[in-house]
Amino acid sequence: GRTGMLQRSVLKKSIAQHFEELDFDLPLNL
């Protein structure tokens, strides 16, 4: 974001949606 910090929550949501679209069920914290 503007602060240069990693927007972790935004990215986590985006990747979770990506996995769902790929029919790939996997916890992201493993």
PDB file of all heavy atoms in Angstrom:
ATOM      1  N   GLY A   1       0.818  -1.205   0.000  1.00  0.00           N
ATOM      2  CA  GLY A   1       0.000   0.000   0.000  1.00  0.00           C
ATOM      3  C   GLY A   1       0.855   1.259   0.000  1.00  0.00           C
ATOM      4  O   GLY A   1       2.040   1.232  -0.304  1.00  0.00           O
ATOM      5  N   ARG A   2       0.254   2.381   0.389  1.00  0.00           N
ATOM      6  CA  ARG A   2       0.955   3.665   0.372  1.00  0.00           C
ATOM      7  C   ARG A   2       2.140   3.669   1.320  1.00  0.00           C
ATOM      8  O   ARG A   2       3.136   4.360   1.096  1.00  0.00           O
ATOM      9  CB  ARG A   2      -0.010   4.783   0.775  1.00  0.00           C
ATOM     10  CG  ARG A   2      -1.153   4.990  -0.205  1.00  0.00           C
ATOM     11  CD  ARG A   2      -2.089   6.063   0.304  1.00  0.00           C
ATOM     12  NE  ARG A   2      -3.260   6.202  -0.546  1.00  0.00           N
ATOM     13  CZ  ARG A   2      -4.278   7.002  -0.263  1.00  0.00           C
ATOM     14  NH1 ARG A   2      -4.241   7.745   0.852  1.00  0.00           N
ATOM     15  NH2 ARG A   2      -5.312   7.078  -1.069  1.00  0.00           N
ATOM     16  N   THR A   3       2.043   2.903   2.410  1.00  0.00           N
ATOM     17  CA  THR A   3       3.122   2.886   3.404  1.00  0.00           C
ATOM     18  C   THR A   3       4.277   1.994   2.978  1.00  0.00           C
ATOM     19  O   THR A   3       5.321   1.981   3.624  1.00  0.00           O
ATOM     20  CB  THR A   3       2.592   2.369   4.748  1.00  0.00           C
ATOM     21  OG1 THR A   3       2.124   1.022   4.584  1.00  0.00           O
ATOM     22  CG2 THR A   3       1.458   3.245   5.251  1.00  0.00           C
ATOM     23  N   GLY A   4       4.091   1.259   1.907  1.00  0.00           N
ATOM     24  CA  GLY A   4       5.127   0.311   1.502  1.00  0.00           C
ATOM     25  C   GLY A   4       5.065  -0.993   2.253  1.00  0.00           C
ATOM     26  O   GLY A   4       5.894  -1.874   2.048  1.00  0.00           O
ATOM     27  N   MET A   5       4.084  -1.130   3.141  1.00  0.00           N
ATOM     28  CA  MET A   5       3.922  -2.361   3.924  1.00  0.00           C
ATOM     29  C   MET A   5       3.114  -3.387   3.136  1.00  0.00           C
ATOM     30  O   MET A   5       2.269  -3.049   2.309  1.00  0.00           O
ATOM     31  CB  MET A   5       3.216  -2.058   5.248  1.00  0.00           C
ATOM     32  CG  MET A   5       3.965  -1.057   6.138  1.00  0.00           C
ATOM     33  SD  MET A   5       5.550  -1.707   6.708  1.00  0.00           S
ATOM     34  CE  MET A   5       4.946  -2.925   7.895  1.00  0.00           C
ATOM     35  N   LEU A   6       3.369  -4.629   3.426  1.00  0.00           N
ATOM     36  CA  LEU A   6       2.678  -5.730   2.765  1.00  0.00           C
ATOM     37  C   LEU A   6       1.204  -5.733   3.158  1.00  0.00           C
ATOM     38  O   LEU A   6       0.872  -5.728   4.338  1.00  0.00           O
ATOM     39  CB  LEU A   6       3.322  -7.065   3.175  1.00  0.00           C
ATOM     40  CG  LEU A   6       2.839  -8.321   2.469  1.00  0.00           C
ATOM     41  CD1 LEU A   6       3.274  -8.288   1.013  1.00  0.00           C
ATOM     42  CD2 LEU A   6       3.425  -9.555   3.152  1.00  0.00           C
ATOM     43  N   GLN A   7       0.305  -5.705   2.173  1.00  0.00           N
ATOM     44  CA  GLN A   7      -1.137  -5.759   2.435  1.00  0.00           C
ATOM     45  C   GLN A   7      -1.579  -7.212   2.535  1.00  0.00           C
ATOM     46  O   GLN A   7      -2.188  -7.782   1.638  1.00  0.00           O
ATOM     47  CB  GLN A   7      -1.879  -5.032   1.311  1.00  0.00           C
ATOM     48  CG  GLN A   7      -1.607  -3.535   1.281  1.00  0.00           C
ATOM     49  CD  GLN A   7      -2.396  -2.857   0.190  1.00  0.00           C
ATOM     50  OE1 GLN A   7      -2.133  -3.060  -0.979  1.00  0.00           O
ATOM     51  NE2 GLN A   7      -3.381  -2.065   0.585  1.00  0.00           N
ATOM     52  N   ARG A   8      -1.236  -7.812   3.684  1.00  0.00           N
ATOM     53  CA  ARG A   8      -1.384  -9.251   3.852  1.00  0.00           C
ATOM     54  C   ARG A   8      -2.837  -9.708   3.761  1.00  0.00           C
ATOM     55  O   ARG A   8      -3.149 -10.721   3.137  1.00  0.00           O
ATOM     56  CB  ARG A   8      -0.775  -9.670   5.192  1.00  0.00           C
ATOM     57  CG  ARG A   8      -0.531 -11.158   5.303  1.00  0.00           C
ATOM     58  CD  ARG A   8       0.275 -11.477   6.562  1.00  0.00           C
ATOM     59  NE  ARG A   8       0.589 -12.887   6.605  1.00  0.00           N
ATOM     60  CZ  ARG A   8       1.613 -13.447   5.961  1.00  0.00           C
ATOM     61  NH1 ARG A   8       2.398 -12.686   5.217  1.00  0.00           N
ATOM     62  NH2 ARG A   8       1.827 -14.736   6.044  1.00  0.00           N
ATOM     63  N   SER A   9      -3.736  -8.984   4.384  1.00  0.00           N
ATOM     64  CA  SER A   9      -5.139  -9.404   4.399  1.00  0.00           C
ATOM     65  C   SER A   9      -5.741  -9.365   2.992  1.00  0.00           C
ATOM     66  O   SER A   9      -6.501 -10.261   2.610  1.00  0.00           O
ATOM     67  CB  SER A   9      -5.946  -8.516   5.341  1.00  0.00           C
ATOM     68  OG  SER A   9      -5.885  -7.154   4.929  1.00  0.00           O
ATOM     69  N   VAL A  10      -5.362  -8.345   2.217  1.00  0.00           N
ATOM     70  CA  VAL A  10      -5.862  -8.226   0.847  1.00  0.00           C
ATOM     71  C   VAL A  10      -5.341  -9.380   0.008  1.00  0.00           C
ATOM     72  O   VAL A  10      -6.077 -10.018  -0.763  1.00  0.00           O
ATOM     73  CB  VAL A  10      -5.443  -6.878   0.229  1.00  0.00           C
ATOM     74  CG1 VAL A  10      -5.839  -6.818  -1.244  1.00  0.00           C
ATOM     75  CG2 VAL A  10      -6.061  -5.720   1.001  1.00  0.00           C
ATOM     76  N   LEU A  11      -4.048  -9.669   0.168  1.00  0.00           N
ATOM     77  CA  LEU A  11      -3.427 -10.724  -0.617  1.00  0.00           C
ATOM     78  C   LEU A  11      -3.965 -12.106  -0.228  1.00  0.00           C
ATOM     79  O   LEU A  11      -4.173 -12.960  -1.082  1.00  0.00           O
ATOM     80  CB  LEU A  11      -1.909 -10.681  -0.420  1.00  0.00           C
ATOM     81  CG  LEU A  11      -1.221  -9.460  -1.048  1.00  0.00           C
ATOM     82  CD1 LEU A  11       0.193  -9.313  -0.533  1.00  0.00           C
ATOM     83  CD2 LEU A  11      -1.208  -9.593  -2.568  1.00  0.00           C
ATOM     84  N   LYS A  12      -4.171 -12.292   1.062  1.00  0.00           N
ATOM     85  CA  LYS A  12      -4.691 -13.584   1.514  1.00  0.00           C
ATOM     86  C   LYS A  12      -6.067 -13.846   0.914  1.00  0.00           C
ATOM     87  O   LYS A  12      -6.359 -14.959   0.456  1.00  0.00           O
ATOM     88  CB  LYS A  12      -4.764 -13.616   3.046  1.00  0.00           C
ATOM     89  CG  LYS A  12      -5.193 -14.965   3.606  1.00  0.00           C
ATOM     90  CD  LYS A  12      -5.123 -14.977   5.117  1.00  0.00           C
ATOM     91  CE  LYS A  12      -5.506 -16.358   5.655  1.00  0.00           C
ATOM     92  NZ  LYS A  12      -5.436 -16.380   7.146  1.00  0.00           N
ATOM     93  N   LYS A  13      -6.900 -12.826   0.886  1.00  0.00           N
ATOM     94  CA  LYS A  13      -8.229 -12.968   0.299  1.00  0.00           C
ATOM     95  C   LYS A  13      -8.140 -13.249  -1.192  1.00  0.00           C
ATOM     96  O   LYS A  13      -8.864 -14.098  -1.727  1.00  0.00           O
ATOM     97  CB  LYS A  13      -9.027 -11.679   0.546  1.00  0.00           C
ATOM     98  CG  LYS A  13     -10.463 -11.743   0.065  1.00  0.00           C
ATOM     99  CD  LYS A  13     -11.199 -10.450   0.411  1.00  0.00           C
ATOM    100  CE  LYS A  13     -12.639 -10.509  -0.096  1.00  0.00           C
ATOM    101  NZ  LYS A  13     -13.368  -9.243   0.228  1.00  0.00           N
ATOM    102  N   SER A  14      -7.220 -12.562  -1.865  1.00  0.00           N
ATOM    103  CA  SER A  14      -7.058 -12.744  -3.314  1.00  0.00           C
ATOM    104  C   SER A  14      -6.593 -14.166  -3.640  1.00  0.00           C
ATOM    105  O   SER A  14      -7.103 -14.807  -4.564  1.00  0.00           O
ATOM    106  CB  SER A  14      -6.053 -11.719  -3.845  1.00  0.00           C
ATOM    107  OG  SER A  14      -5.727 -11.983  -5.190  1.00  0.00           O
ATOM    108  N   ILE A  15      -5.636 -14.678  -2.868  1.00  0.00           N
ATOM    109  CA  ILE A  15      -5.093 -16.012  -3.132  1.00  0.00           C
ATOM    110  C   ILE A  15      -6.113 -17.090  -2.768  1.00  0.00           C
ATOM    111  O   ILE A  15      -6.241 -18.104  -3.466  1.00  0.00           O
ATOM    112  CB  ILE A  15      -3.766 -16.218  -2.375  1.00  0.00           C
ATOM    113  CG1 ILE A  15      -2.698 -15.325  -3.015  1.00  0.00           C
ATOM    114  CG2 ILE A  15      -3.334 -17.681  -2.391  1.00  0.00           C
ATOM    115  CD1 ILE A  15      -1.400 -15.246  -2.260  1.00  0.00           C
ATOM    116  N   ALA A  16      -6.857 -16.872  -1.689  1.00  0.00           N
ATOM    117  CA  ALA A  16      -7.908 -17.824  -1.322  1.00  0.00           C
ATOM    118  C   ALA A  16      -8.942 -17.932  -2.440  1.00  0.00           C
ATOM    119  O   ALA A  16      -9.409 -19.038  -2.778  1.00  0.00           O
ATOM    120  CB  ALA A  16      -8.565 -17.393  -0.014  1.00  0.00           C
ATOM    121  N   GLN A  17      -9.302 -16.795  -3.027  1.00  0.00           N
ATOM    122  CA  GLN A  17     -10.248 -16.789  -4.143  1.00  0.00           C
ATOM    123  C   GLN A  17      -9.648 -17.497  -5.357  1.00  0.00           C
ATOM    124  O   GLN A  17     -10.336 -18.247  -6.061  1.00  0.00           O
ATOM    125  CB  GLN A  17     -10.622 -15.356  -4.510  1.00  0.00           C
ATOM    126  CG  GLN A  17     -11.656 -15.259  -5.630  1.00  0.00           C
ATOM    127  CD  GLN A  17     -12.034 -13.823  -5.955  1.00  0.00           C
ATOM    128  OE1 GLN A  17     -11.686 -12.897  -5.219  1.00  0.00           O
ATOM    129  NE2 GLN A  17     -12.742 -13.626  -7.052  1.00  0.00           N
ATOM    130  N   HIS A  18      -8.349 -17.276  -5.586  1.00  0.00           N
ATOM    131  CA  HIS A  18      -7.654 -17.935  -6.702  1.00  0.00           C
ATOM    132  C   HIS A  18      -7.679 -19.451  -6.538  1.00  0.00           C
ATOM    133  O   HIS A  18      -7.979 -20.192  -7.478  1.00  0.00           O
ATOM    134  CB  HIS A  18      -6.213 -17.420  -6.765  1.00  0.00           C
ATOM    135  CG  HIS A  18      -5.363 -18.089  -7.797  1.00  0.00           C
ATOM    136  ND1 HIS A  18      -5.615 -18.020  -9.151  1.00  0.00           N
ATOM    137  CD2 HIS A  18      -4.234 -18.860  -7.668  1.00  0.00           C
ATOM    138  CE1 HIS A  18      -4.698 -18.701  -9.807  1.00  0.00           C
ATOM    139  NE2 HIS A  18      -3.850 -19.226  -8.935  1.00  0.00           N
ATOM    140  N   PHE A  19      -7.396 -19.931  -5.322  1.00  0.00           N
ATOM    141  CA  PHE A  19      -7.426 -21.368  -5.053  1.00  0.00           C
ATOM    142  C   PHE A  19      -8.830 -21.929  -5.258  1.00  0.00           C
ATOM    143  O   PHE A  19      -8.995 -23.036  -5.782  1.00  0.00           O
ATOM    144  CB  PHE A  19      -6.954 -21.640  -3.624  1.00  0.00           C
ATOM    145  CG  PHE A  19      -5.448 -21.753  -3.483  1.00  0.00           C
ATOM    146  CD1 PHE A  19      -4.603 -21.100  -4.360  1.00  0.00           C
ATOM    147  CD2 PHE A  19      -4.885 -22.504  -2.475  1.00  0.00           C
ATOM    148  CE1 PHE A  19      -3.227 -21.205  -4.236  1.00  0.00           C
ATOM    149  CE2 PHE A  19      -3.518 -22.622  -2.345  1.00  0.00           C
ATOM    150  CZ  PHE A  19      -2.676 -21.950  -3.218  1.00  0.00           C
ATOM    151  N   GLU A  20      -9.820 -21.159  -4.853  1.00  0.00           N
ATOM    152  CA  GLU A  20     -11.206 -21.610  -5.021  1.00  0.00           C
ATOM    153  C   GLU A  20     -11.552 -21.733  -6.502  1.00  0.00           C
ATOM    154  O   GLU A  20     -12.188 -22.700  -6.924  1.00  0.00           O
ATOM    155  CB  GLU A  20     -12.157 -20.631  -4.332  1.00  0.00           C
ATOM    156  CG  GLU A  20     -13.608 -21.076  -4.345  1.00  0.00           C
ATOM    157  CD  GLU A  20     -14.513 -20.121  -3.585  1.00  0.00           C
ATOM    158  OE1 GLU A  20     -13.998 -19.259  -2.837  1.00  0.00           O
ATOM    159  OE2 GLU A  20     -15.743 -20.223  -3.747  1.00  0.00           O
ATOM    160  N   GLU A  21     -11.099 -20.771  -7.309  1.00  0.00           N
ATOM    161  CA  GLU A  21     -11.354 -20.817  -8.752  1.00  0.00           C
ATOM    162  C   GLU A  21     -10.654 -22.008  -9.405  1.00  0.00           C
ATOM    163  O   GLU A  21     -11.140 -22.578 -10.386  1.00  0.00           O
ATOM    164  CB  GLU A  21     -10.881 -19.518  -9.406  1.00  0.00           C
ATOM    165  CG  GLU A  21     -11.737 -18.305  -9.037  1.00  0.00           C
ATOM    166  CD  GLU A  21     -11.124 -17.003  -9.500  1.00  0.00           C
ATOM    167  OE1 GLU A  21      -9.967 -17.028 -10.006  1.00  0.00           O
ATOM    168  OE2 GLU A  21     -11.772 -15.939  -9.357  1.00  0.00           O
ATOM    169  N   LEU A  22      -9.506 -22.418  -8.828  1.00  0.00           N
ATOM    170  CA  LEU A  22      -8.763 -23.561  -9.357  1.00  0.00           C
ATOM    171  C   LEU A  22      -9.245 -24.887  -8.766  1.00  0.00           C
ATOM    172  O   LEU A  22      -8.698 -25.946  -9.106  1.00  0.00           O
ATOM    173  CB  LEU A  22      -7.267 -23.407  -9.069  1.00  0.00           C
ATOM    174  CG  LEU A  22      -6.518 -22.255  -9.743  1.00  0.00           C
ATOM    175  CD1 LEU A  22      -5.042 -22.308  -9.396  1.00  0.00           C
ATOM    176  CD2 LEU A  22      -6.714 -22.277 -11.245  1.00  0.00           C
ATOM    177  N   ASP A  23     -10.260 -24.829  -7.889  1.00  0.00           N
ATOM    178  CA  ASP A  23     -10.740 -26.028  -7.201  1.00  0.00           C
ATOM    179  C   ASP A  23      -9.596 -26.703  -6.452  1.00  0.00           C
ATOM    180  O   ASP A  23      -9.398 -27.910  -6.522  1.00  0.00           O
ATOM    181  CB  ASP A  23     -11.372 -27.010  -8.208  1.00  0.00           C
ATOM    182  CG  ASP A  23     -12.164 -28.121  -7.515  1.00  0.00           C
ATOM    183  OD1 ASP A  23     -12.578 -27.917  -6.369  1.00  0.00           O
ATOM    184  OD2 ASP A  23     -12.344 -29.190  -8.124  1.00  0.00           O
ATOM    185  N   PHE A  24      -8.866 -25.899  -5.708  1.00  0.00           N
ATOM    186  CA  PHE A  24      -7.681 -26.346  -4.973  1.00  0.00           C
ATOM    187  C   PHE A  24      -7.901 -25.992  -3.508  1.00  0.00           C
ATOM    188  O   PHE A  24      -7.694 -24.857  -3.091  1.00  0.00           O
ATOM    189  CB  PHE A  24      -6.447 -25.661  -5.548  1.00  0.00           C
ATOM    190  CG  PHE A  24      -5.135 -26.153  -5.000  1.00  0.00           C
ATOM    191  CD1 PHE A  24      -5.006 -27.400  -4.410  1.00  0.00           C
ATOM    192  CD2 PHE A  24      -3.995 -25.357  -5.099  1.00  0.00           C
ATOM    193  CE1 PHE A  24      -3.787 -27.842  -3.920  1.00  0.00           C
ATOM    194  CE2 PHE A  24      -2.775 -25.792  -4.624  1.00  0.00           C
ATOM    195  CZ  PHE A  24      -2.677 -27.036  -4.030  1.00  0.00           C
ATOM    196  N   ASP A  25      -8.322 -26.966  -2.725  1.00  0.00           N
ATOM    197  CA  ASP A  25      -8.674 -26.743  -1.325  1.00  0.00           C
ATOM    198  C   ASP A  25      -7.454 -27.004  -0.450  1.00  0.00           C
ATOM    199  O   ASP A  25      -7.076 -28.158  -0.224  1.00  0.00           O
ATOM    200  CB  ASP A  25      -9.832 -27.664  -0.927  1.00  0.00           C
ATOM    201  CG  ASP A  25     -10.331 -27.379   0.490  1.00  0.00           C
ATOM    202  OD1 ASP A  25      -9.974 -26.317   1.036  1.00  0.00           O
ATOM    203  OD2 ASP A  25     -11.062 -28.216   1.045  1.00  0.00           O
ATOM    204  N   LEU A  26      -6.831 -25.934   0.054  1.00  0.00           N
ATOM    205  CA  LEU A  26      -5.612 -26.079   0.847  1.00  0.00           C
ATOM    206  C   LEU A  26      -5.490 -24.908   1.820  1.00  0.00           C
ATOM    207  O   LEU A  26      -5.538 -23.754   1.405  1.00  0.00           O
ATOM    208  CB  LEU A  26      -4.393 -26.110  -0.089  1.00  0.00           C
ATOM    209  CG  LEU A  26      -3.038 -26.354   0.553  1.00  0.00           C
ATOM    210  CD1 LEU A  26      -2.950 -27.776   1.103  1.00  0.00           C
ATOM    211  CD2 LEU A  26      -1.919 -26.106  -0.451  1.00  0.00           C
ATOM    212  N   PRO A  27      -5.323 -25.185   3.125  1.00  0.00           N
ATOM    213  CA  PRO A  27      -5.126 -24.095   4.095  1.00  0.00           C
ATOM    214  C   PRO A  27      -3.868 -23.302   3.769  1.00  0.00           C
ATOM    215  O   PRO A  27      -2.804 -23.884   3.518  1.00  0.00           O
ATOM    216  CB  PRO A  27      -4.985 -24.842   5.435  1.00  0.00           C
ATOM    217  CG  PRO A  27      -5.654 -26.162   5.221  1.00  0.00           C
ATOM    218  CD  PRO A  27      -5.403 -26.500   3.780  1.00  0.00           C
ATOM    219  N   LEU A  28      -3.974 -21.987   3.792  1.00  0.00           N
ATOM    220  CA  LEU A  28      -2.869 -21.135   3.375  1.00  0.00           C
ATOM    221  C   LEU A  28      -1.793 -20.996   4.443  1.00  0.00           C
ATOM    222  O   LEU A  28      -0.689 -20.523   4.154  1.00  0.00           O
ATOM    223  CB  LEU A  28      -3.395 -19.743   3.006  1.00  0.00           C
ATOM    224  CG  LEU A  28      -4.373 -19.681   1.825  1.00  0.00           C
ATOM    225  CD1 LEU A  28      -4.805 -18.250   1.570  1.00  0.00           C
ATOM    226  CD2 LEU A  28      -3.751 -20.281   0.569  1.00  0.00           C
ATOM    227  N   ASN A  29      -2.083 -21.412   5.681  1.00  0.00           N
ATOM    228  CA  ASN A  29      -1.107 -21.228   6.759  1.00  0.00           C
ATOM    229  C   ASN A  29      -0.180 -22.430   6.942  1.00  0.00           C
ATOM    230  O   ASN A  29       0.712 -22.413   7.786  1.00  0.00           O
ATOM    231  CB  ASN A  29      -1.827 -20.933   8.081  1.00  0.00           C
ATOM    232  CG  ASN A  29      -2.750 -22.072   8.503  1.00  0.00           C
ATOM    233  OD1 ASN A  29      -3.123 -22.917   7.686  1.00  0.00           O
ATOM    234  ND2 ASN A  29      -3.113 -22.085   9.770  1.00  0.00           N
ATOM    235  N   LEU A  30      -0.365 -23.492   6.170  1.00  0.00           N
ATOM    236  CA  LEU A  30       0.471 -24.687   6.320  1.00  0.00           C
ATOM    237  C   LEU A  30       1.874 -24.446   5.788  1.00  0.00           C
ATOM    238  O   LEU A  30       2.049 -23.870   4.706  1.00  0.00           O
ATOM    239  CB  LEU A  30      -0.147 -25.862   5.555  1.00  0.00           C
ATOM    240  CG  LEU A  30      -1.414 -26.495   6.132  1.00  0.00           C
ATOM    241  CD1 LEU A  30      -1.902 -27.591   5.180  1.00  0.00           C
ATOM    242  CD2 LEU A  30      -1.135 -27.091   7.509  1.00  0.00           C
TER     243      LEU A  30
END
